[in-house]
Amino acid sequence: MATKLAKEWRFIDSPKMSAKANMDFDKSLLENFDGTPVFRLYSWEDNSFTIGRFQKLEDIQDIERFGTNYAKRMTGGGLLLHGFDVSYSIVLPTNQLGRRGVKESYEFLCQFILNFYKDLGFKPAWAKDILPNSLSKSPFCQEGFEPYDIIIEGKKIGGNAQKRTKNLILQHGSIPLRKDKRKYSGYSLEELGIKLNEKETKERLLKSFKELYN
């Protein structure tokens, strides 16, 4: 399905911020959208985390073990740990994705992430294609398997989620760079034999985004 995205985008390279500052920034991009699609790359303060929009802190057992640097996302899903990762946000009008539904648009907007991993020498795949019998939900993002989770060497890596309004889509996701000592952090590039710093990761993600969407 051919899609013609806008040629002009606003690129934002954010500094490292707290969980609340990062999620407030995403919310502001959506609420104050001025017509120009946005691609944002950012990182997090150490030992931070986010929870899904439908989660409640009191429902997560021993929540205090994750610290106090947290925020609620506009998107669904489970608790996701941060501070060892680089994240992205995309904001664009729904009409730029043609007649794609939620799942199709999600798959399309994740393509630049797959290309990023391919350029590192991996063969990423969707969970629905290689782990169809393992699909499940969990209060912790890295413990469950959704259909469009990215799998490398049998392991789930990172996470992506989407928020839709009547006319706009915000999609954001995370690329884990380093192993984290906390439980439920999932797998990282470091554990898969790749060492990248935040600057290198952002450069590679921007390159992949520009190449894929022209």
N, C-alpha and C. Protein backbone atom coordinates (compact mmCIF):
# COMPACT_ATOMS: atom_id res chain seq x y z
N MET A 1 0.85 -1.19 0.00
CA MET A 1 0.00 0.00 0.00
C MET A 1 0.88 1.24 0.00
N ALA A 2 0.81 1.98 -1.09
CA ALA A 2 1.67 3.16 -1.22
C ALA A 2 1.22 4.26 -0.27
N THR A 3 2.17 4.93 0.31
CA THR A 3 1.88 6.03 1.22
C THR A 3 2.84 7.18 0.92
N LYS A 4 2.29 8.36 0.78
CA LYS A 4 3.11 9.54 0.52
C LYS A 4 3.11 10.41 1.76
N LEU A 5 4.17 10.31 2.54
CA LEU A 5 4.28 11.15 3.73
C LEU A 5 4.75 12.55 3.34
N ALA A 6 4.53 13.48 4.24
CA ALA A 6 4.97 14.85 4.00
C ALA A 6 6.48 14.90 3.83
N LYS A 7 6.95 15.80 2.97
CA LYS A 7 8.40 15.96 2.76
C LYS A 7 9.04 16.79 3.87
N GLU A 8 8.27 17.67 4.46
CA GLU A 8 8.79 18.54 5.51
C GLU A 8 8.40 18.01 6.88
N TRP A 9 9.42 17.77 7.72
CA TRP A 9 9.20 17.30 9.08
C TRP A 9 9.95 18.19 10.05
N ARG A 10 9.46 18.24 11.25
CA ARG A 10 10.18 18.91 12.32
C ARG A 10 10.92 17.85 13.13
N PHE A 11 12.24 17.98 13.22
CA PHE A 11 13.04 17.03 13.99
C PHE A 11 13.45 17.66 15.31
N ILE A 12 13.23 16.94 16.40
CA ILE A 12 13.57 17.44 17.73
C ILE A 12 14.52 16.44 18.39
N ASP A 13 15.69 16.91 18.78
CA ASP A 13 16.66 16.11 19.53
C ASP A 13 16.64 16.63 20.96
N SER A 14 15.88 15.95 21.81
CA SER A 14 15.70 16.43 23.18
C SER A 14 16.85 16.00 24.08
N PRO A 15 17.15 16.79 25.10
CA PRO A 15 18.15 16.39 26.09
C PRO A 15 17.57 15.32 27.01
N LYS A 16 18.41 14.77 27.86
CA LYS A 16 17.95 13.78 28.84
C LYS A 16 17.04 14.48 29.86
N MET A 17 15.87 13.87 30.10
CA MET A 17 14.90 14.49 31.00
C MET A 17 14.26 13.44 31.90
N SER A 18 13.49 13.92 32.88
CA SER A 18 12.77 13.03 33.77
C SER A 18 11.62 12.37 33.01
N ALA A 19 11.04 11.35 33.61
CA ALA A 19 9.90 10.67 32.98
C ALA A 19 8.74 11.64 32.76
N LYS A 20 8.43 12.44 33.77
CA LYS A 20 7.32 13.38 33.64
C LYS A 20 7.58 14.42 32.56
N ALA A 21 8.79 14.95 32.51
CA ALA A 21 9.12 15.96 31.49
C ALA A 21 9.00 15.37 30.09
N ASN A 22 9.47 14.14 29.91
CA ASN A 22 9.39 13.51 28.60
C ASN A 22 7.94 13.27 28.17
N MET A 23 7.12 12.78 29.07
CA MET A 23 5.73 12.51 28.71
C MET A 23 4.91 13.80 28.57
N ASP A 24 5.25 14.83 29.33
CA ASP A 24 4.61 16.13 29.14
C ASP A 24 4.97 16.71 27.77
N PHE A 25 6.21 16.47 27.34
CA PHE A 25 6.66 16.95 26.04
C PHE A 25 5.85 16.28 24.94
N ASP A 26 5.69 14.96 25.02
CA ASP A 26 4.90 14.24 24.03
C ASP A 26 3.46 14.76 24.00
N LYS A 27 2.89 14.94 25.17
CA LYS A 27 1.52 15.43 25.25
C LYS A 27 1.39 16.80 24.60
N SER A 28 2.38 17.65 24.83
CA SER A 28 2.35 18.99 24.24
C SER A 28 2.44 18.93 22.72
N LEU A 29 3.27 18.03 22.20
CA LEU A 29 3.39 17.89 20.75
C LEU A 29 2.05 17.51 20.12
N LEU A 30 1.31 16.65 20.79
CA LEU A 30 0.02 16.22 20.27
C LEU A 30 -1.02 17.33 20.40
N GLU A 31 -1.08 17.96 21.56
CA GLU A 31 -2.11 18.96 21.82
C GLU A 31 -1.86 20.27 21.06
N ASN A 32 -0.62 20.54 20.71
CA ASN A 32 -0.29 21.80 20.03
C ASN A 32 0.20 21.58 18.61
N PHE A 33 -0.22 20.50 18.00
CA PHE A 33 0.23 20.17 16.65
C PHE A 33 -0.16 21.29 15.68
N ASP A 34 0.84 21.73 14.88
CA ASP A 34 0.62 22.89 14.00
C ASP A 34 0.54 22.52 12.52
N GLY A 35 0.45 21.22 12.23
CA GLY A 35 0.34 20.79 10.84
C GLY A 35 1.59 20.17 10.28
N THR A 36 2.74 20.43 10.90
CA THR A 36 4.00 19.85 10.44
C THR A 36 4.29 18.57 11.23
N PRO A 37 4.42 17.43 10.56
CA PRO A 37 4.73 16.18 11.27
C PRO A 37 6.02 16.30 12.08
N VAL A 38 6.07 15.57 13.19
CA VAL A 38 7.19 15.67 14.12
C VAL A 38 7.85 14.30 14.31
N PHE A 39 9.18 14.32 14.29
CA PHE A 39 9.97 13.15 14.67
C PHE A 39 10.91 13.59 15.78
N ARG A 40 10.75 12.98 16.94
CA ARG A 40 11.52 13.37 18.12
C ARG A 40 12.33 12.20 18.65
N LEU A 41 13.59 12.47 19.05
CA LEU A 41 14.43 11.48 19.70
C LEU A 41 14.82 12.02 21.07
N TYR A 42 14.82 11.15 22.09
CA TYR A 42 15.08 11.62 23.44
C TYR A 42 15.57 10.49 24.34
N SER A 43 16.07 10.86 25.51
CA SER A 43 16.53 9.88 26.49
C SER A 43 16.01 10.26 27.87
N TRP A 44 16.32 9.43 28.85
CA TRP A 44 15.69 9.51 30.16
C TRP A 44 16.72 9.60 31.29
N GLU A 45 16.31 10.19 32.37
CA GLU A 45 17.14 10.15 33.57
C GLU A 45 17.21 8.70 34.07
N ASP A 46 18.28 8.38 34.78
CA ASP A 46 18.45 7.02 35.30
C ASP A 46 17.30 6.62 36.22
N ASN A 47 17.02 5.32 36.21
CA ASN A 47 16.03 4.74 37.13
C ASN A 47 14.65 5.38 37.02
N SER A 48 14.24 5.68 35.82
CA SER A 48 12.90 6.21 35.61
C SER A 48 12.01 5.12 34.98
N PHE A 49 10.72 5.35 34.98
CA PHE A 49 9.81 4.40 34.35
C PHE A 49 8.49 5.08 33.99
N THR A 50 7.76 4.45 33.08
CA THR A 50 6.43 4.93 32.72
C THR A 50 5.45 3.78 32.89
N ILE A 51 4.18 4.16 33.10
CA ILE A 51 3.12 3.15 33.16
C ILE A 51 2.09 3.46 32.07
N GLY A 52 1.34 2.45 31.65
CA GLY A 52 0.34 2.63 30.62
C GLY A 52 -0.83 3.47 31.11
N ARG A 53 -1.56 4.04 30.18
CA ARG A 53 -2.63 4.98 30.52
C ARG A 53 -3.75 4.34 31.34
N PHE A 54 -3.90 3.02 31.25
CA PHE A 54 -4.96 2.35 31.99
C PHE A 54 -4.46 1.69 33.28
N GLN A 55 -3.18 1.84 33.57
CA GLN A 55 -2.64 1.24 34.78
C GLN A 55 -2.78 2.17 35.99
N LYS A 56 -2.83 1.56 37.17
CA LYS A 56 -2.82 2.30 38.42
C LYS A 56 -1.63 1.83 39.24
N LEU A 57 -0.90 2.78 39.80
CA LEU A 57 0.29 2.43 40.58
C LEU A 57 -0.03 1.45 41.69
N GLU A 58 -1.17 1.65 42.34
CA GLU A 58 -1.50 0.80 43.48
C GLU A 58 -1.79 -0.65 43.09
N ASP A 59 -2.00 -0.88 41.81
CA ASP A 59 -2.27 -2.24 41.35
C ASP A 59 -0.99 -3.01 41.00
N ILE A 60 0.16 -2.32 41.02
CA ILE A 60 1.43 -2.96 40.68
C ILE A 60 2.15 -3.34 41.97
N GLN A 61 2.38 -4.62 42.15
CA GLN A 61 2.96 -5.12 43.38
C GLN A 61 4.37 -4.56 43.61
N ASP A 62 4.64 -4.13 44.82
CA ASP A 62 5.96 -3.61 45.21
C ASP A 62 6.43 -2.49 44.28
N ILE A 63 5.53 -1.57 43.95
CA ILE A 63 5.86 -0.50 43.00
C ILE A 63 7.02 0.36 43.48
N GLU A 64 7.23 0.44 44.79
CA GLU A 64 8.29 1.30 45.33
C GLU A 64 9.68 0.86 44.90
N ARG A 65 9.83 -0.38 44.48
CA ARG A 65 11.16 -0.86 44.07
C ARG A 65 11.65 -0.18 42.79
N PHE A 66 10.73 0.46 42.06
CA PHE A 66 11.11 1.11 40.81
C PHE A 66 11.45 2.58 40.99
N GLY A 67 11.29 3.12 42.20
CA GLY A 67 11.64 4.51 42.45
C GLY A 67 10.46 5.45 42.29
N THR A 68 10.77 6.73 42.24
CA THR A 68 9.72 7.76 42.18
C THR A 68 9.76 8.60 40.91
N ASN A 69 10.73 8.32 40.03
CA ASN A 69 10.85 9.09 38.79
C ASN A 69 10.00 8.40 37.72
N TYR A 70 8.70 8.70 37.72
CA TYR A 70 7.79 8.00 36.81
C TYR A 70 6.77 8.96 36.22
N ALA A 71 6.08 8.48 35.19
CA ALA A 71 4.98 9.23 34.59
C ALA A 71 4.03 8.25 33.93
N LYS A 72 2.81 8.72 33.71
CA LYS A 72 1.83 7.90 32.99
C LYS A 72 1.87 8.29 31.51
N ARG A 73 1.92 7.29 30.64
CA ARG A 73 1.92 7.54 29.20
C ARG A 73 0.51 7.83 28.70
N MET A 74 0.43 8.44 27.54
CA MET A 74 -0.86 8.60 26.87
C MET A 74 -1.27 7.30 26.18
N THR A 75 -0.34 6.39 26.04
CA THR A 75 -0.58 5.14 25.34
C THR A 75 -0.79 4.00 26.34
N GLY A 76 -1.30 2.91 25.85
CA GLY A 76 -1.57 1.75 26.70
C GLY A 76 -0.33 0.92 26.94
N GLY A 77 -0.56 -0.32 27.38
CA GLY A 77 0.56 -1.21 27.66
C GLY A 77 0.92 -1.22 29.13
N GLY A 78 2.03 -1.91 29.42
CA GLY A 78 2.44 -2.10 30.81
C GLY A 78 3.57 -1.18 31.24
N LEU A 79 4.02 -1.39 32.47
CA LEU A 79 5.12 -0.62 33.03
C LEU A 79 6.38 -0.85 32.20
N LEU A 80 7.06 0.24 31.85
CA LEU A 80 8.28 0.16 31.04
C LEU A 80 9.39 0.94 31.73
N LEU A 81 10.50 0.27 31.97
CA LEU A 81 11.64 0.90 32.63
C LEU A 81 12.46 1.71 31.63
N HIS A 82 13.04 2.81 32.12
CA HIS A 82 13.83 3.70 31.27
C HIS A 82 15.13 4.09 31.98
N GLY A 83 15.97 4.82 31.24
CA GLY A 83 17.22 5.31 31.80
C GLY A 83 18.43 4.65 31.14
N PHE A 84 18.17 3.62 30.38
CA PHE A 84 19.23 2.89 29.67
C PHE A 84 18.89 2.79 28.18
N ASP A 85 17.98 3.65 27.73
CA ASP A 85 17.41 3.53 26.39
C ASP A 85 17.34 4.88 25.69
N VAL A 86 17.10 4.82 24.38
CA VAL A 86 16.77 5.99 23.57
C VAL A 86 15.35 5.79 23.06
N SER A 87 14.55 6.83 23.12
CA SER A 87 13.16 6.73 22.68
C SER A 87 12.89 7.66 21.50
N TYR A 88 11.79 7.39 20.82
CA TYR A 88 11.36 8.24 19.70
C TYR A 88 9.88 8.54 19.86
N SER A 89 9.45 9.63 19.26
CA SER A 89 8.03 9.96 19.13
C SER A 89 7.77 10.44 17.71
N ILE A 90 6.65 10.03 17.17
CA ILE A 90 6.19 10.48 15.86
C ILE A 90 4.80 11.06 16.03
N VAL A 91 4.58 12.25 15.50
CA VAL A 91 3.24 12.84 15.50
C VAL A 91 2.92 13.26 14.07
N LEU A 92 1.80 12.79 13.54
CA LEU A 92 1.42 13.14 12.18
C LEU A 92 -0.08 12.98 12.00
N PRO A 93 -0.65 13.63 10.96
CA PRO A 93 -2.08 13.49 10.70
C PRO A 93 -2.41 12.07 10.24
N THR A 94 -3.56 11.56 10.67
CA THR A 94 -3.97 10.21 10.28
C THR A 94 -4.13 10.09 8.77
N ASN A 95 -4.52 11.17 8.10
CA ASN A 95 -4.77 11.07 6.65
C ASN A 95 -3.49 10.84 5.86
N GLN A 96 -2.31 11.04 6.49
CA GLN A 96 -1.07 10.77 5.77
C GLN A 96 -0.82 9.27 5.61
N LEU A 97 -1.54 8.48 6.38
CA LEU A 97 -1.37 7.03 6.30
C LEU A 97 -2.45 6.37 5.47
N GLY A 98 -3.17 7.17 4.69
CA GLY A 98 -4.16 6.63 3.78
C GLY A 98 -5.26 5.89 4.51
N ARG A 99 -5.59 4.71 4.01
CA ARG A 99 -6.69 3.93 4.59
C ARG A 99 -6.19 2.87 5.57
N ARG A 100 -4.97 3.01 6.02
CA ARG A 100 -4.44 2.05 6.99
C ARG A 100 -5.21 2.11 8.31
N GLY A 101 -5.53 0.94 8.83
CA GLY A 101 -6.14 0.85 10.14
C GLY A 101 -5.07 0.95 11.21
N VAL A 102 -5.48 0.71 12.46
CA VAL A 102 -4.56 0.84 13.58
C VAL A 102 -3.36 -0.09 13.42
N LYS A 103 -3.63 -1.38 13.17
CA LYS A 103 -2.55 -2.35 13.07
C LYS A 103 -1.64 -2.07 11.87
N GLU A 104 -2.24 -1.72 10.75
CA GLU A 104 -1.45 -1.44 9.55
C GLU A 104 -0.59 -0.20 9.72
N SER A 105 -1.14 0.83 10.34
CA SER A 105 -0.36 2.06 10.54
C SER A 105 0.77 1.83 11.54
N TYR A 106 0.48 1.01 12.54
CA TYR A 106 1.49 0.68 13.54
C TYR A 106 2.67 -0.05 12.89
N GLU A 107 2.34 -1.02 12.07
CA GLU A 107 3.39 -1.78 11.37
C GLU A 107 4.19 -0.87 10.44
N PHE A 108 3.51 0.04 9.75
CA PHE A 108 4.19 0.94 8.83
C PHE A 108 5.15 1.87 9.56
N LEU A 109 4.70 2.45 10.68
CA LEU A 109 5.52 3.41 11.40
C LEU A 109 6.66 2.74 12.17
N CYS A 110 6.58 1.44 12.36
CA CYS A 110 7.67 0.71 13.02
C CYS A 110 8.75 0.25 12.05
N GLN A 111 8.52 0.45 10.76
CA GLN A 111 9.46 -0.06 9.77
C GLN A 111 10.86 0.54 9.93
N PHE A 112 10.93 1.82 10.32
CA PHE A 112 12.26 2.42 10.45
C PHE A 112 13.03 1.81 11.62
N ILE A 113 12.30 1.31 12.64
CA ILE A 113 12.95 0.61 13.75
C ILE A 113 13.50 -0.72 13.27
N LEU A 114 12.70 -1.44 12.47
CA LEU A 114 13.18 -2.71 11.92
C LEU A 114 14.43 -2.47 11.06
N ASN A 115 14.42 -1.41 10.26
CA ASN A 115 15.58 -1.09 9.42
C ASN A 115 16.80 -0.76 10.27
N PHE A 116 16.58 -0.06 11.38
CA PHE A 116 17.66 0.25 12.31
C PHE A 116 18.31 -1.04 12.81
N TYR A 117 17.51 -2.01 13.21
CA TYR A 117 18.05 -3.27 13.70
C TYR A 117 18.71 -4.08 12.57
N LYS A 118 18.14 -4.02 11.38
CA LYS A 118 18.74 -4.73 10.24
C LYS A 118 20.13 -4.17 9.93
N ASP A 119 20.27 -2.85 10.01
CA ASP A 119 21.56 -2.23 9.74
C ASP A 119 22.62 -2.62 10.77
N LEU A 120 22.17 -3.12 11.93
CA LEU A 120 23.11 -3.59 12.96
C LEU A 120 23.45 -5.07 12.75
N GLY A 121 22.86 -5.67 11.72
CA GLY A 121 23.17 -7.05 11.41
C GLY A 121 22.17 -8.07 11.92
N PHE A 122 21.04 -7.61 12.48
CA PHE A 122 20.03 -8.52 13.01
C PHE A 122 18.96 -8.84 11.97
N LYS A 123 18.14 -9.82 12.29
CA LYS A 123 16.99 -10.18 11.47
C LYS A 123 15.73 -10.05 12.32
N PRO A 124 15.27 -8.83 12.53
CA PRO A 124 14.10 -8.62 13.39
C PRO A 124 12.82 -9.15 12.75
N ALA A 125 11.89 -9.55 13.59
CA ALA A 125 10.60 -10.06 13.10
C ALA A 125 9.51 -9.66 14.08
N TRP A 126 8.27 -9.75 13.62
CA TRP A 126 7.12 -9.48 14.48
C TRP A 126 6.83 -10.71 15.33
N ALA A 127 6.39 -10.48 16.55
CA ALA A 127 6.04 -11.58 17.44
C ALA A 127 4.94 -12.44 16.83
N LYS A 128 3.99 -11.84 16.15
CA LYS A 128 2.88 -12.58 15.56
C LYS A 128 3.32 -13.57 14.50
N ASP A 129 4.49 -13.31 13.90
CA ASP A 129 4.97 -14.18 12.82
C ASP A 129 5.82 -15.34 13.31
N ILE A 130 6.54 -15.14 14.42
CA ILE A 130 7.45 -16.21 14.86
C ILE A 130 7.11 -16.77 16.24
N LEU A 131 6.27 -16.04 16.99
CA LEU A 131 5.88 -16.54 18.32
C LEU A 131 4.37 -16.47 18.49
N PRO A 132 3.60 -16.97 17.53
CA PRO A 132 2.14 -16.81 17.61
C PRO A 132 1.51 -17.47 18.83
N ASN A 133 2.14 -18.49 19.36
CA ASN A 133 1.58 -19.19 20.51
C ASN A 133 2.00 -18.59 21.85
N SER A 134 2.84 -17.54 21.78
CA SER A 134 3.34 -16.92 23.01
C SER A 134 2.72 -15.55 23.28
N LEU A 135 1.79 -15.13 22.43
CA LEU A 135 1.18 -13.81 22.60
C LEU A 135 0.42 -13.76 23.93
N SER A 136 0.69 -12.73 24.70
CA SER A 136 0.06 -12.60 26.01
C SER A 136 0.26 -11.18 26.53
N LYS A 137 -0.59 -10.77 27.45
CA LYS A 137 -0.47 -9.46 28.07
C LYS A 137 0.14 -9.59 29.45
N SER A 138 0.79 -8.50 29.92
CA SER A 138 1.42 -8.51 31.23
C SER A 138 1.41 -7.08 31.78
N PRO A 139 1.39 -6.93 33.11
CA PRO A 139 1.50 -5.59 33.70
C PRO A 139 2.85 -4.95 33.40
N PHE A 140 3.84 -5.76 32.96
CA PHE A 140 5.17 -5.26 32.64
C PHE A 140 5.42 -5.42 31.15
N CYS A 141 5.73 -4.31 30.51
CA CYS A 141 5.82 -4.29 29.05
C CYS A 141 6.73 -5.38 28.49
N GLN A 142 7.88 -5.58 29.13
CA GLN A 142 8.86 -6.51 28.58
C GLN A 142 8.56 -7.98 28.89
N GLU A 143 7.49 -8.25 29.64
CA GLU A 143 7.14 -9.62 29.98
C GLU A 143 6.07 -10.20 29.06
N GLY A 144 5.27 -9.35 28.44
CA GLY A 144 4.22 -9.82 27.55
C GLY A 144 4.66 -9.78 26.10
N PHE A 145 3.88 -10.40 25.24
CA PHE A 145 4.16 -10.40 23.80
C PHE A 145 2.91 -9.98 23.05
N GLU A 146 2.96 -8.77 22.46
CA GLU A 146 1.89 -8.29 21.60
C GLU A 146 2.23 -8.65 20.15
N PRO A 147 1.23 -8.71 19.26
CA PRO A 147 1.49 -9.15 17.88
C PRO A 147 2.62 -8.40 17.17
N TYR A 148 2.71 -7.07 17.39
CA TYR A 148 3.71 -6.29 16.67
C TYR A 148 4.92 -5.93 17.52
N ASP A 149 5.15 -6.68 18.57
CA ASP A 149 6.41 -6.54 19.29
C ASP A 149 7.54 -7.02 18.39
N ILE A 150 8.72 -6.39 18.53
CA ILE A 150 9.87 -6.75 17.70
C ILE A 150 10.69 -7.81 18.42
N ILE A 151 10.98 -8.89 17.69
CA ILE A 151 11.71 -10.03 18.24
C ILE A 151 13.05 -10.17 17.51
N ILE A 152 14.13 -10.29 18.28
CA ILE A 152 15.46 -10.53 17.72
C ILE A 152 16.07 -11.73 18.43
N GLU A 153 16.47 -12.71 17.67
CA GLU A 153 17.07 -13.93 18.23
C GLU A 153 16.20 -14.53 19.33
N GLY A 154 14.89 -14.51 19.09
CA GLY A 154 13.94 -15.10 20.02
C GLY A 154 13.61 -14.25 21.22
N LYS A 155 14.16 -13.06 21.31
CA LYS A 155 13.96 -12.19 22.47
C LYS A 155 13.25 -10.90 22.06
N LYS A 156 12.30 -10.48 22.89
CA LYS A 156 11.63 -9.21 22.68
C LYS A 156 12.57 -8.08 23.02
N ILE A 157 12.61 -7.06 22.16
CA ILE A 157 13.49 -5.93 22.43
C ILE A 157 12.69 -4.63 22.27
N GLY A 158 12.80 -3.78 23.29
CA GLY A 158 12.12 -2.50 23.23
C GLY A 158 10.61 -2.63 23.32
N GLY A 159 9.92 -1.53 23.03
CA GLY A 159 8.47 -1.50 23.04
C GLY A 159 7.98 -0.30 22.26
N ASN A 160 6.78 -0.41 21.68
CA ASN A 160 6.19 0.67 20.90
C ASN A 160 4.70 0.74 21.19
N ALA A 161 4.13 1.94 21.16
CA ALA A 161 2.72 2.10 21.45
C ALA A 161 2.18 3.32 20.69
N GLN A 162 0.86 3.36 20.55
CA GLN A 162 0.24 4.39 19.72
C GLN A 162 -0.97 5.00 20.40
N LYS A 163 -1.12 6.30 20.21
CA LYS A 163 -2.28 7.06 20.67
C LYS A 163 -2.90 7.74 19.45
N ARG A 164 -4.21 7.57 19.28
CA ARG A 164 -4.90 8.16 18.14
C ARG A 164 -6.00 9.10 18.62
N THR A 165 -6.08 10.25 17.99
CA THR A 165 -7.21 11.15 18.17
C THR A 165 -7.99 11.13 16.86
N LYS A 166 -8.96 11.99 16.73
CA LYS A 166 -9.77 12.01 15.51
C LYS A 166 -8.93 12.26 14.27
N ASN A 167 -7.92 13.14 14.39
CA ASN A 167 -7.16 13.55 13.22
C ASN A 167 -5.66 13.29 13.30
N LEU A 168 -5.18 12.83 14.47
CA LEU A 168 -3.74 12.71 14.66
C LEU A 168 -3.35 11.34 15.22
N ILE A 169 -2.10 10.99 14.97
CA ILE A 169 -1.50 9.79 15.55
C ILE A 169 -0.23 10.21 16.27
N LEU A 170 -0.07 9.75 17.52
CA LEU A 170 1.21 9.84 18.20
C LEU A 170 1.68 8.40 18.45
N GLN A 171 2.85 8.10 17.95
CA GLN A 171 3.44 6.80 18.23
C GLN A 171 4.80 7.02 18.88
N HIS A 172 5.07 6.30 19.96
CA HIS A 172 6.39 6.39 20.57
C HIS A 172 6.86 5.01 20.95
N GLY A 173 8.18 4.91 21.13
CA GLY A 173 8.77 3.62 21.44
C GLY A 173 10.17 3.79 22.01
N SER A 174 10.75 2.66 22.40
CA SER A 174 12.02 2.69 23.12
C SER A 174 12.97 1.64 22.57
N ILE A 175 14.25 2.01 22.48
CA ILE A 175 15.32 1.10 22.05
C ILE A 175 16.29 0.94 23.22
N PRO A 176 16.31 -0.22 23.88
CA PRO A 176 17.18 -0.43 25.04
C PRO A 176 18.63 -0.64 24.62
N LEU A 177 19.52 0.18 25.15
CA LEU A 177 20.93 0.12 24.75
C LEU A 177 21.77 -0.75 25.68
N ARG A 178 21.50 -0.64 26.98
CA ARG A 178 22.35 -1.29 27.97
C ARG A 178 21.54 -2.17 28.91
N LYS A 179 22.20 -3.13 29.47
CA LYS A 179 21.56 -3.99 30.46
C LYS A 179 21.25 -3.16 31.70
N ASP A 180 20.07 -3.35 32.27
CA ASP A 180 19.67 -2.64 33.47
C ASP A 180 19.54 -3.64 34.61
N LYS A 181 19.91 -3.21 35.81
CA LYS A 181 19.94 -4.13 36.96
C LYS A 181 18.54 -4.46 37.48
N ARG A 182 17.55 -3.67 37.11
CA ARG A 182 16.21 -3.90 37.64
C ARG A 182 15.49 -5.04 36.93
N LYS A 183 14.67 -5.75 37.67
CA LYS A 183 13.86 -6.81 37.09
C LYS A 183 12.84 -6.22 36.13
N TYR A 184 12.48 -6.95 35.12
CA TYR A 184 11.50 -6.57 34.11
C TYR A 184 12.03 -5.54 33.11
N SER A 185 13.34 -5.38 33.03
CA SER A 185 13.89 -4.41 32.08
C SER A 185 13.98 -4.98 30.67
N GLY A 186 13.90 -6.30 30.53
CA GLY A 186 13.96 -6.91 29.21
C GLY A 186 15.38 -7.01 28.68
N TYR A 187 15.49 -7.27 27.37
CA TYR A 187 16.79 -7.45 26.73
C TYR A 187 17.24 -6.16 26.06
N SER A 188 18.56 -6.00 25.95
CA SER A 188 19.14 -4.79 25.38
C SER A 188 20.09 -5.13 24.24
N LEU A 189 20.47 -4.11 23.49
CA LEU A 189 21.46 -4.31 22.42
C LEU A 189 22.79 -4.80 22.98
N GLU A 190 23.15 -4.29 24.15
CA GLU A 190 24.39 -4.71 24.78
C GLU A 190 24.40 -6.22 25.00
N GLU A 191 23.28 -6.77 25.44
CA GLU A 191 23.19 -8.20 25.69
C GLU A 191 23.16 -9.01 24.39
N LEU A 192 22.88 -8.33 23.28
CA LEU A 192 22.90 -8.98 21.97
C LEU A 192 24.22 -8.73 21.24
N GLY A 193 25.19 -8.16 21.95
CA GLY A 193 26.53 -7.99 21.40
C GLY A 193 26.81 -6.68 20.71
N ILE A 194 25.90 -5.71 20.84
CA ILE A 194 26.07 -4.40 20.18
C ILE A 194 26.20 -3.31 21.24
N LYS A 195 27.26 -2.52 21.14
CA LYS A 195 27.45 -1.41 22.07
C LYS A 195 27.33 -0.09 21.30
N LEU A 196 26.31 0.67 21.64
CA LEU A 196 26.08 1.99 21.05
C LEU A 196 25.82 2.98 22.16
N ASN A 197 26.35 4.20 22.02
CA ASN A 197 25.99 5.24 22.96
C ASN A 197 24.76 5.98 22.44
N GLU A 198 24.25 6.92 23.23
CA GLU A 198 23.01 7.60 22.85
C GLU A 198 23.17 8.41 21.57
N LYS A 199 24.30 9.08 21.41
CA LYS A 199 24.53 9.90 20.22
C LYS A 199 24.55 9.03 18.96
N GLU A 200 25.27 7.92 19.00
CA GLU A 200 25.34 7.02 17.85
C GLU A 200 23.97 6.44 17.52
N THR A 201 23.22 6.11 18.56
CA THR A 201 21.90 5.53 18.35
C THR A 201 20.96 6.54 17.68
N LYS A 202 20.98 7.77 18.16
CA LYS A 202 20.14 8.80 17.56
C LYS A 202 20.51 9.03 16.10
N GLU A 203 21.80 9.05 15.80
CA GLU A 203 22.24 9.26 14.42
C GLU A 203 21.75 8.13 13.52
N ARG A 204 21.83 6.91 14.00
CA ARG A 204 21.39 5.76 13.21
C ARG A 204 19.86 5.75 13.03
N LEU A 205 19.14 6.12 14.08
CA LEU A 205 17.69 6.16 13.98
C LEU A 205 17.23 7.25 13.00
N LEU A 206 17.85 8.40 13.07
CA LEU A 206 17.50 9.48 12.15
C LEU A 206 17.81 9.08 10.71
N LYS A 207 18.95 8.45 10.49
CA LYS A 207 19.33 7.99 9.15
C LYS A 207 18.30 6.99 8.62
N SER A 208 17.90 6.03 9.45
CA SER A 208 16.92 5.04 9.04
C SER A 208 15.58 5.69 8.73
N PHE A 209 15.16 6.64 9.55
CA PHE A 209 13.88 7.31 9.35
C PHE A 209 13.87 8.07 8.03
N LYS A 210 14.94 8.81 7.75
CA LYS A 210 15.01 9.61 6.52
C LYS A 210 15.06 8.71 5.28
N GLU A 211 15.81 7.63 5.37
CA GLU A 211 15.93 6.74 4.22
C GLU A 211 14.61 6.02 3.91
N LEU A 212 13.96 5.56 4.96
CA LEU A 212 12.74 4.76 4.75
C LEU A 212 11.56 5.60 4.25
N TYR A 213 11.41 6.79 4.85
CA TYR A 213 10.25 7.62 4.51
C TYR A 213 10.59 8.75 3.54
N ASN A 214 11.80 8.71 2.98
CA ASN A 214 12.21 9.65 1.93
C ASN A 214 12.04 11.10 2.35
